[in-house]
Structure formats: C-alpha cells, structure tokens
Amino acid sequence: MEPRKTDKNILGKGVQRMAIALIFMFISPVIIHSAFKNQDHPMYVPILILGLLGAGFAIFMAFRGLKTIMESIFGKR
C-alpha cells in the first residue's frame, strides 16, 4: 500500500486560514481592551461587540484551519 501524499493546495488554504486566525487573535483583544478603557464613550457597546465578534471569528478560523490542514494530510473521511 502506497503512503498518502499531502495535498499542497488544501494545505495552503489551511495555513492561510490559520494566518487569518492569528491576525484576529492579536487585533480582537486590543479592540476589547480599548472598549473597556473608554466605557463612558457613546461608541462603547458597538466597539465591544466588534471586538467580541472578532474574537469569535478568530476561534472559528483556527478550528477551520486545523480541520483543513488535517484534511490535507490524512484525506477526507
């Protein structure tokens, strides 16, 4: 039985998704921290929601990227 080869196109998509997740993992806490520092500002709630959505998106993209990388290495089940 011949060993399975890694699909480099799918691996590239997975790495790209992980890079997007990494960017949002750094940006989202900065936005959340900025919102909490300015609680008396009228834009407090929208900025906080934006930061929380960004953090959720970072988590989603990290799981999606890991799933894609695993799929490129081991194939679809």
Protein backbone atom coordinates (compact mmCIF):
# COMPACT_ATOMS: atom_id res chain seq x y z
CA MET A 1 0.00 0.00 0.00
CA GLU A 2 1.40 3.32 -1.09
CA PRO A 3 1.61 6.12 1.51
CA ARG A 4 -0.76 9.05 1.10
CA LYS A 5 0.76 12.31 -0.12
CA THR A 6 -0.14 15.70 1.31
CA ASP A 7 -2.37 17.82 -0.92
CA LYS A 8 -0.40 21.07 -1.07
CA ASN A 9 -3.30 23.20 -2.34
CA ILE A 10 -5.52 22.26 0.59
CA LEU A 11 -2.57 22.65 2.96
CA GLY A 12 -2.04 26.20 1.64
CA LYS A 13 -5.68 27.05 2.33
CA GLY A 14 -5.35 25.71 5.86
CA VAL A 15 -2.21 27.73 6.55
CA GLN A 16 -3.91 30.83 5.13
CA ARG A 17 -6.88 30.32 7.46
CA MET A 18 -4.53 29.89 10.41
CA ALA A 19 -2.77 33.14 9.47
CA ILE A 20 -6.11 34.98 9.40
CA ALA A 21 -6.94 33.49 12.80
CA LEU A 22 -3.58 34.64 14.17
CA ILE A 23 -4.16 38.19 12.97
CA PHE A 24 -7.59 38.29 14.60
CA MET A 25 -6.17 36.74 17.79
CA PHE A 26 -3.99 39.83 18.18
CA ILE A 27 -6.41 42.50 16.93
CA SER A 28 -9.53 41.43 18.84
CA PRO A 29 -8.10 41.71 22.39
CA VAL A 30 -6.75 45.17 21.54
CA ILE A 31 -10.21 46.27 20.40
CA ILE A 32 -11.85 44.75 23.50
CA HIS A 33 -9.29 46.43 25.78
CA SER A 34 -9.83 49.75 24.03
CA ALA A 35 -13.59 49.43 24.53
CA PHE A 36 -13.21 48.71 28.25
CA LYS A 37 -10.84 51.66 28.70
CA ASN A 38 -13.46 54.04 27.25
CA GLN A 39 -16.68 52.84 28.90
CA ASP A 40 -18.09 56.37 29.09
CA HIS A 41 -17.78 56.87 25.32
CA PRO A 42 -21.04 56.57 23.30
CA MET A 43 -19.43 54.03 20.93
CA TYR A 44 -18.51 51.67 23.82
CA VAL A 45 -21.09 48.96 23.07
CA PRO A 46 -20.55 48.79 19.27
CA ILE A 47 -16.75 48.63 19.69
CA LEU A 48 -17.09 45.93 22.37
CA ILE A 49 -19.40 43.91 20.11
CA LEU A 50 -16.93 44.32 17.23
CA GLY A 51 -14.09 43.02 19.42
CA LEU A 52 -16.12 40.06 20.64
CA LEU A 53 -17.18 39.16 17.10
CA GLY A 54 -13.54 39.35 16.01
CA ALA A 55 -12.52 37.03 18.86
CA GLY A 56 -15.24 34.55 17.89
CA PHE A 57 -14.14 34.73 14.27
CA ALA A 58 -10.53 34.04 15.31
CA ILE A 59 -11.61 30.89 17.16
CA PHE A 60 -13.76 29.79 14.23
CA MET A 61 -10.95 30.31 11.71
CA ALA A 62 -8.45 28.47 13.93
CA PHE A 63 -10.68 25.39 14.09
CA ARG A 64 -11.45 25.63 10.38
CA GLY A 65 -7.75 25.97 9.54
CA LEU A 66 -6.78 22.99 11.68
CA LYS A 67 -9.53 20.91 10.10
CA THR A 68 -8.32 21.89 6.61
CA ILE A 69 -4.69 21.08 7.44
CA MET A 70 -5.68 17.69 8.86
CA GLU A 71 -7.76 17.03 5.74
CA SER A 72 -4.78 17.81 3.50
CA ILE A 73 -2.55 15.40 5.42
CA PHE A 74 -4.91 12.50 6.06
CA GLY A 75 -7.59 12.98 3.42
CA LYS A 76 -11.36 13.17 3.83
CA ARG A 77 -13.01 10.57 5.97
